[in-house]
Amino acid sequence: MKTPDETPAMCLSGVVLLPKTLLPLRIFEERYREMLADALAEDRSFAVINSDSLDSDYQVPVAKSVVATLGLIRMSSQEPDGSSLLMLEGTERVRVEQLIRNAPYPVFNIERLPTTNRPNDELEAEIVVDLLGKVDQLSALTGPNEDQTAQACHEIDDIEMLNHFIMQSYCANSVLMQQTLETTDLVKRCKLASDFLALQITLMRDAEY
């Protein structure tokens, strides 16, 4: 799918969607209902922007790079109260350039922000072993409730998708999630996930004593 030059966007505090992951959303605000209707009638896409990165009026701060994710609507169903439940799949990391208009819903200029520094096969294998090993350690410490998530990690054969799935599944810190999104260097992004998992393992072990 070609990245558009502009896109409607949901601006949500503390919410970060990573590419190649899924985000469930409930649409109830009137402006976003209108945005959803327009998106479904056109290319089924809109961006999710962590509004903590924007000024209070959704303007892009001067001298600051705002990074968001363009998403594709995979499923949408309307509820009796008029709200909608949908599943959004992250497709592209984008740089948010400027607000074009804020009514009836926010629309921004965007630019594609591709992944850089993909590891060679040998380094990729090392990174995957490290990440999956730490996922398994964390799963063993947290109990059977995390077994399905750990198993799902083992079934992913794309290193970028694995990295993002780990963070989307285990990390509730929106600042770290935003840092993950903003890191275009894939090796550095995997290091963020590895360090996060290592910290969680240490905290879980310390809590046992």
C-alpha atoms as a PDB file:
ATOM      1  CA  MET A   1       0.000   0.000   0.000  1.00  0.00           C
ATOM      2  CA  LYS A   2       1.433   3.371  -1.029  1.00  0.00           C
ATOM      3  CA  THR A   3       1.939   5.754   1.868  1.00  0.00           C
ATOM      4  CA  PRO A   4      -0.347   8.779   1.406  1.00  0.00           C
ATOM      5  CA  ASP A   5       0.892  12.353   1.771  1.00  0.00           C
ATOM      6  CA  GLU A   6      -1.839  13.103   4.292  1.00  0.00           C
ATOM      7  CA  THR A   7      -4.008  11.077   6.614  1.00  0.00           C
ATOM      8  CA  PRO A   8      -6.752  11.433   9.196  1.00  0.00           C
ATOM      9  CA  ALA A   9      -5.611  10.517  12.678  1.00  0.00           C
ATOM     10  CA  MET A  10      -6.812   9.498  16.103  1.00  0.00           C
ATOM     11  CA  CYS A  11      -4.844  11.447  18.711  1.00  0.00           C
ATOM     12  CA  LEU A  12      -4.846   9.475  21.961  1.00  0.00           C
ATOM     13  CA  SER A  13      -2.843  10.175  25.099  1.00  0.00           C
ATOM     14  CA  GLY A  14      -0.397   7.390  25.928  1.00  0.00           C
ATOM     15  CA  VAL A  15      -1.524   5.132  23.071  1.00  0.00           C
ATOM     16  CA  VAL A  16       1.165   3.814  20.712  1.00  0.00           C
ATOM     17  CA  LEU A  17       0.557   1.451  17.801  1.00  0.00           C
ATOM     18  CA  LEU A  18       3.617  -0.311  16.418  1.00  0.00           C
ATOM     19  CA  PRO A  19       3.840  -1.460  12.776  1.00  0.00           C
ATOM     20  CA  LYS A  20       2.923  -5.114  12.178  1.00  0.00           C
ATOM     21  CA  THR A  21       0.832  -5.311  15.362  1.00  0.00           C
ATOM     22  CA  LEU A  22      -2.896  -5.050  16.058  1.00  0.00           C
ATOM     23  CA  LEU A  23      -4.699  -2.488  18.203  1.00  0.00           C
ATOM     24  CA  PRO A  24      -8.345  -2.883  19.265  1.00  0.00           C
ATOM     25  CA  LEU A  25     -10.202   0.428  19.403  1.00  0.00           C
ATOM     26  CA  ARG A  26     -13.653   1.609  20.406  1.00  0.00           C
ATOM     27  CA  ILE A  27     -14.824   4.645  18.460  1.00  0.00           C
ATOM     28  CA  PHE A  28     -17.414   6.726  20.300  1.00  0.00           C
ATOM     29  CA  GLU A  29     -16.521  10.424  19.823  1.00  0.00           C
ATOM     30  CA  GLU A  30     -18.616  12.001  17.072  1.00  0.00           C
ATOM     31  CA  ARG A  31     -15.594  13.367  15.171  1.00  0.00           C
ATOM     32  CA  TYR A  32     -13.941   9.956  15.119  1.00  0.00           C
ATOM     33  CA  ARG A  33     -17.197   8.274  14.084  1.00  0.00           C
ATOM     34  CA  GLU A  34     -17.191  10.583  11.063  1.00  0.00           C
ATOM     35  CA  MET A  35     -13.514   9.830  10.440  1.00  0.00           C
ATOM     36  CA  LEU A  36     -14.198   6.092  10.572  1.00  0.00           C
ATOM     37  CA  ALA A  37     -17.097   6.362   8.123  1.00  0.00           C
ATOM     38  CA  ASP A  38     -14.925   8.288   5.675  1.00  0.00           C
ATOM     39  CA  ALA A  39     -12.017   5.860   6.079  1.00  0.00           C
ATOM     40  CA  LEU A  40     -14.243   2.835   5.452  1.00  0.00           C
ATOM     41  CA  ALA A  41     -15.583   4.499   2.309  1.00  0.00           C
ATOM     42  CA  GLU A  42     -12.077   5.210   1.008  1.00  0.00           C
ATOM     43  CA  ASP A  43      -8.794   3.393   1.763  1.00  0.00           C
ATOM     44  CA  ARG A  44      -9.651   2.046   5.251  1.00  0.00           C
ATOM     45  CA  SER A  45      -6.641   3.740   6.815  1.00  0.00           C
ATOM     46  CA  PHE A  46      -5.848   6.357   9.438  1.00  0.00           C
ATOM     47  CA  ALA A  47      -2.959   7.090  11.769  1.00  0.00           C
ATOM     48  CA  VAL A  48      -2.701   6.676  15.522  1.00  0.00           C
ATOM     49  CA  ILE A  49      -0.730   9.477  17.164  1.00  0.00           C
ATOM     50  CA  ASN A  50       0.294   9.569  20.818  1.00  0.00           C
ATOM     51  CA  SER A  51      -1.121  13.016  21.606  1.00  0.00           C
ATOM     52  CA  ASP A  52       1.485  13.458  24.357  1.00  0.00           C
ATOM     53  CA  SER A  53       3.859  14.214  21.447  1.00  0.00           C
ATOM     54  CA  LEU A  54       1.690  17.102  20.219  1.00  0.00           C
ATOM     55  CA  ASP A  55       0.783  20.535  21.516  1.00  0.00           C
ATOM     56  CA  SER A  56      -2.593  20.887  23.224  1.00  0.00           C
ATOM     57  CA  ASP A  57      -4.247  22.009  19.969  1.00  0.00           C
ATOM     58  CA  TYR A  58      -2.718  19.063  18.045  1.00  0.00           C
ATOM     59  CA  GLN A  59      -0.122  21.285  16.397  1.00  0.00           C
ATOM     60  CA  VAL A  60       3.247  19.643  15.775  1.00  0.00           C
ATOM     61  CA  PRO A  61       5.782  21.247  18.168  1.00  0.00           C
ATOM     62  CA  VAL A  62       8.506  23.329  16.537  1.00  0.00           C
ATOM     63  CA  ALA A  63      11.882  21.552  16.242  1.00  0.00           C
ATOM     64  CA  LYS A  64      10.416  18.246  17.384  1.00  0.00           C
ATOM     65  CA  SER A  65      10.026  15.067  15.357  1.00  0.00           C
ATOM     66  CA  VAL A  66       6.641  13.446  15.939  1.00  0.00           C
ATOM     67  CA  VAL A  67       6.460   9.792  14.885  1.00  0.00           C
ATOM     68  CA  ALA A  68       3.216   7.852  14.520  1.00  0.00           C
ATOM     69  CA  THR A  69       1.893   4.734  12.820  1.00  0.00           C
ATOM     70  CA  LEU A  70      -0.417   4.474   9.854  1.00  0.00           C
ATOM     71  CA  GLY A  71      -2.993   1.756  10.378  1.00  0.00           C
ATOM     72  CA  LEU A  72      -5.320  -0.326   8.209  1.00  0.00           C
ATOM     73  CA  ILE A  73      -8.810  -1.213   9.431  1.00  0.00           C
ATOM     74  CA  ARG A  74      -9.029  -5.008   9.427  1.00  0.00           C
ATOM     75  CA  MET A  75     -12.416  -5.323  11.133  1.00  0.00           C
ATOM     76  CA  SER A  76     -15.145  -2.896  12.127  1.00  0.00           C
ATOM     77  CA  SER A  77     -18.555  -3.456  13.673  1.00  0.00           C
ATOM     78  CA  GLN A  78     -21.105  -0.936  14.874  1.00  0.00           C
ATOM     79  CA  GLU A  79     -22.686  -1.279  18.313  1.00  0.00           C
ATOM     80  CA  PRO A  80     -26.345  -0.479  19.156  1.00  0.00           C
ATOM     81  CA  ASP A  81     -25.270   2.759  20.881  1.00  0.00           C
ATOM     82  CA  GLY A  82     -23.641   4.032  17.681  1.00  0.00           C
ATOM     83  CA  SER A  83     -20.073   3.383  18.766  1.00  0.00           C
ATOM     84  CA  SER A  84     -17.862   1.070  16.723  1.00  0.00           C
ATOM     85  CA  LEU A  85     -15.408  -1.659  17.636  1.00  0.00           C
ATOM     86  CA  LEU A  86     -12.533  -2.095  15.244  1.00  0.00           C
ATOM     87  CA  MET A  87      -9.200  -3.809  14.854  1.00  0.00           C
ATOM     88  CA  LEU A  88      -6.438  -1.667  13.411  1.00  0.00           C
ATOM     89  CA  GLU A  89      -3.256  -3.164  11.958  1.00  0.00           C
ATOM     90  CA  GLY A  90      -0.148  -0.987  12.003  1.00  0.00           C
ATOM     91  CA  THR A  91       1.298  -0.788   8.495  1.00  0.00           C
ATOM     92  CA  GLU A  92       3.853   2.035   8.323  1.00  0.00           C
ATOM     93  CA  ARG A  93       5.927   4.192  10.646  1.00  0.00           C
ATOM     94  CA  VAL A  94       5.480   7.827   9.598  1.00  0.00           C
ATOM     95  CA  ARG A  95       6.802  11.233  10.548  1.00  0.00           C
ATOM     96  CA  VAL A  96       4.003  13.692  11.280  1.00  0.00           C
ATOM     97  CA  GLU A  97       4.845  16.931   9.471  1.00  0.00           C
ATOM     98  CA  GLN A  98       1.999  19.317  10.281  1.00  0.00           C
ATOM     99  CA  LEU A  99      -1.691  19.618  11.090  1.00  0.00           C
ATOM    100  CA  ILE A 100      -3.691  20.403   7.951  1.00  0.00           C
ATOM    101  CA  ARG A 101      -7.040  20.803   9.671  1.00  0.00           C
ATOM    102  CA  ASN A 102      -8.644  19.886  12.977  1.00  0.00           C
ATOM    103  CA  ALA A 103     -12.298  19.774  11.927  1.00  0.00           C
ATOM    104  CA  PRO A 104     -14.347  17.717  11.630  1.00  0.00           C
ATOM    105  CA  TYR A 105     -11.414  15.490  12.671  1.00  0.00           C
ATOM    106  CA  PRO A 106      -7.608  15.869  12.657  1.00  0.00           C
ATOM    107  CA  VAL A 107      -5.796  15.465   9.326  1.00  0.00           C
ATOM    108  CA  PHE A 108      -1.996  15.633   9.084  1.00  0.00           C
ATOM    109  CA  ASN A 109       0.715  15.720   6.453  1.00  0.00           C
ATOM    110  CA  ILE A 110       2.918  12.645   6.881  1.00  0.00           C
ATOM    111  CA  GLU A 111       6.100  11.151   5.466  1.00  0.00           C
ATOM    112  CA  ARG A 112       7.081   7.486   5.464  1.00  0.00           C
ATOM    113  CA  LEU A 113       9.855   6.649   7.941  1.00  0.00           C
ATOM    114  CA  PRO A 114      11.354   3.307   6.876  1.00  0.00           C
ATOM    115  CA  THR A 115      13.280   0.842   9.019  1.00  0.00           C
ATOM    116  CA  THR A 116      17.074   1.089   8.824  1.00  0.00           C
ATOM    117  CA  ASN A 117      20.011  -1.180   9.756  1.00  0.00           C
ATOM    118  CA  ARG A 118      18.346  -4.544   9.325  1.00  0.00           C
ATOM    119  CA  PRO A 119      20.674  -7.230  10.752  1.00  0.00           C
ATOM    120  CA  ASN A 120      22.375  -9.825   8.568  1.00  0.00           C
ATOM    121  CA  ASP A 121      21.244 -13.444   8.908  1.00  0.00           C
ATOM    122  CA  GLU A 122      23.809 -14.352  11.569  1.00  0.00           C
ATOM    123  CA  LEU A 123      23.087 -11.352  13.786  1.00  0.00           C
ATOM    124  CA  GLU A 124      19.340 -11.757  13.281  1.00  0.00           C
ATOM    125  CA  ALA A 125      19.539 -15.354  14.521  1.00  0.00           C
ATOM    126  CA  GLU A 126      21.441 -14.205  17.625  1.00  0.00           C
ATOM    127  CA  ILE A 127      18.896 -11.485  18.345  1.00  0.00           C
ATOM    128  CA  VAL A 128      15.943 -13.862  17.937  1.00  0.00           C
ATOM    129  CA  VAL A 129      17.521 -16.440  20.288  1.00  0.00           C
ATOM    130  CA  ASP A 130      18.121 -13.693  22.860  1.00  0.00           C
ATOM    131  CA  LEU A 131      14.586 -12.298  22.660  1.00  0.00           C
ATOM    132  CA  LEU A 132      12.836 -15.675  22.735  1.00  0.00           C
ATOM    133  CA  GLY A 133      15.041 -16.885  25.579  1.00  0.00           C
ATOM    134  CA  LYS A 134      14.069 -13.881  27.675  1.00  0.00           C
ATOM    135  CA  VAL A 135      10.399 -14.251  26.757  1.00  0.00           C
ATOM    136  CA  ASP A 136      10.546 -17.865  27.985  1.00  0.00           C
ATOM    137  CA  GLN A 137      12.266 -16.824  31.226  1.00  0.00           C
ATOM    138  CA  LEU A 138       9.621 -14.178  31.845  1.00  0.00           C
ATOM    139  CA  SER A 139       6.841 -16.640  31.041  1.00  0.00           C
ATOM    140  CA  ALA A 140       8.243 -19.145  33.547  1.00  0.00           C
ATOM    141  CA  LEU A 141       8.257 -16.452  36.235  1.00  0.00           C
ATOM    142  CA  THR A 142       4.785 -15.072  35.551  1.00  0.00           C
ATOM    143  CA  GLY A 143       2.958 -18.388  35.285  1.00  0.00           C
ATOM    144  CA  PRO A 144       0.596 -20.084  32.823  1.00  0.00           C
ATOM    145  CA  ASN A 145      -1.306 -16.911  31.912  1.00  0.00           C
ATOM    146  CA  GLU A 146       1.634 -15.790  29.763  1.00  0.00           C
ATOM    147  CA  ASP A 147       2.189 -19.162  28.074  1.00  0.00           C
ATOM    148  CA  GLN A 148       0.018 -18.292  25.069  1.00  0.00           C
ATOM    149  CA  THR A 149       1.842 -15.013  24.501  1.00  0.00           C
ATOM    150  CA  ALA A 150       5.230 -16.736  24.724  1.00  0.00           C
ATOM    151  CA  GLN A 151       4.067 -19.451  22.319  1.00  0.00           C
ATOM    152  CA  ALA A 152       2.836 -16.823  19.880  1.00  0.00           C
ATOM    153  CA  CYS A 153       6.289 -15.210  19.964  1.00  0.00           C
ATOM    154  CA  HIS A 154       7.873 -18.514  18.919  1.00  0.00           C
ATOM    155  CA  GLU A 155       5.554 -18.722  15.905  1.00  0.00           C
ATOM    156  CA  ILE A 156       6.607 -15.343  14.466  1.00  0.00           C
ATOM    157  CA  ASP A 157       9.233 -15.628  11.719  1.00  0.00           C
ATOM    158  CA  ASP A 158       9.762 -11.905  11.085  1.00  0.00           C
ATOM    159  CA  ILE A 159      12.239 -10.215  13.452  1.00  0.00           C
ATOM    160  CA  GLU A 160      10.584  -6.796  13.246  1.00  0.00           C
ATOM    161  CA  MET A 161       7.157  -8.276  13.886  1.00  0.00           C
ATOM    162  CA  LEU A 162       8.576 -10.286  16.805  1.00  0.00           C
ATOM    163  CA  ASN A 163      10.148  -7.189  18.320  1.00  0.00           C
ATOM    164  CA  HIS A 164       6.936  -5.204  18.060  1.00  0.00           C
ATOM    165  CA  PHE A 165       4.717  -8.048  19.266  1.00  0.00           C
ATOM    166  CA  ILE A 166       6.880  -8.430  22.376  1.00  0.00           C
ATOM    167  CA  MET A 167       6.645  -4.739  23.203  1.00  0.00           C
ATOM    168  CA  GLN A 168       2.934  -4.495  22.390  1.00  0.00           C
ATOM    169  CA  SER A 169       2.227  -7.566  24.561  1.00  0.00           C
ATOM    170  CA  TYR A 170       4.456  -6.946  27.571  1.00  0.00           C
ATOM    171  CA  CYS A 171       5.172  -3.218  27.802  1.00  0.00           C
ATOM    172  CA  ALA A 172       2.641  -0.851  29.382  1.00  0.00           C
ATOM    173  CA  ASN A 173       5.040   2.115  29.488  1.00  0.00           C
ATOM    174  CA  SER A 174       3.914   4.536  26.776  1.00  0.00           C
ATOM    175  CA  VAL A 175       7.207   6.468  26.902  1.00  0.00           C
ATOM    176  CA  LEU A 176       9.199   3.322  26.111  1.00  0.00           C
ATOM    177  CA  MET A 177       6.665   2.321  23.471  1.00  0.00           C
ATOM    178  CA  GLN A 178       7.029   5.723  21.811  1.00  0.00           C
ATOM    179  CA  GLN A 179      10.820   5.386  21.972  1.00  0.00           C
ATOM    180  CA  THR A 180      10.505   1.989  20.294  1.00  0.00           C
ATOM    181  CA  LEU A 181       8.371   3.492  17.539  1.00  0.00           C
ATOM    182  CA  GLU A 182      10.784   6.383  16.990  1.00  0.00           C
ATOM    183  CA  THR A 183      13.838   4.102  16.702  1.00  0.00           C
ATOM    184  CA  THR A 184      14.199   3.375  12.995  1.00  0.00           C
ATOM    185  CA  ASP A 185      17.418   1.353  13.521  1.00  0.00           C
ATOM    186  CA  LEU A 186      16.112  -2.218  13.882  1.00  0.00           C
ATOM    187  CA  VAL A 187      19.144  -3.531  15.778  1.00  0.00           C
ATOM    188  CA  LYS A 188      18.819  -0.722  18.340  1.00  0.00           C
ATOM    189  CA  ARG A 189      15.074  -1.324  18.517  1.00  0.00           C
ATOM    190  CA  CYS A 190      15.656  -4.991  19.337  1.00  0.00           C
ATOM    191  CA  LYS A 191      18.137  -3.910  22.023  1.00  0.00           C
ATOM    192  CA  LEU A 192      15.373  -1.832  23.622  1.00  0.00           C
ATOM    193  CA  ALA A 193      13.139  -4.921  23.757  1.00  0.00           C
ATOM    194  CA  SER A 194      15.955  -7.104  25.093  1.00  0.00           C
ATOM    195  CA  ASP A 195      16.818  -4.610  27.838  1.00  0.00           C
ATOM    196  CA  PHE A 196      13.134  -4.249  28.740  1.00  0.00           C
ATOM    197  CA  LEU A 197      12.689  -8.019  29.068  1.00  0.00           C
ATOM    198  CA  ALA A 198      15.882  -8.310  31.136  1.00  0.00           C
ATOM    199  CA  LEU A 199      14.593  -5.643  33.529  1.00  0.00           C
ATOM    200  CA  GLN A 200      11.227  -7.381  33.905  1.00  0.00           C
ATOM    201  CA  ILE A 201      12.981 -10.691  34.652  1.00  0.00           C
ATOM    202  CA  THR A 202      15.131  -9.017  37.316  1.00  0.00           C
ATOM    203  CA  LEU A 203      12.112  -7.320  38.906  1.00  0.00           C
ATOM    204  CA  MET A 204      10.139 -10.574  38.956  1.00  0.00           C
ATOM    205  CA  ARG A 205      13.014 -12.472  40.545  1.00  0.00           C
ATOM    206  CA  ASP A 206      13.557  -9.758  43.154  1.00  0.00           C
ATOM    207  CA  ALA A 207       9.852  -9.866  44.012  1.00  0.00           C
ATOM    208  CA  GLU A 208      10.171 -13.540  44.934  1.00  0.00           C
ATOM    209  CA  TYR A 209      12.451 -12.689  47.854  1.00  0.00           C
END
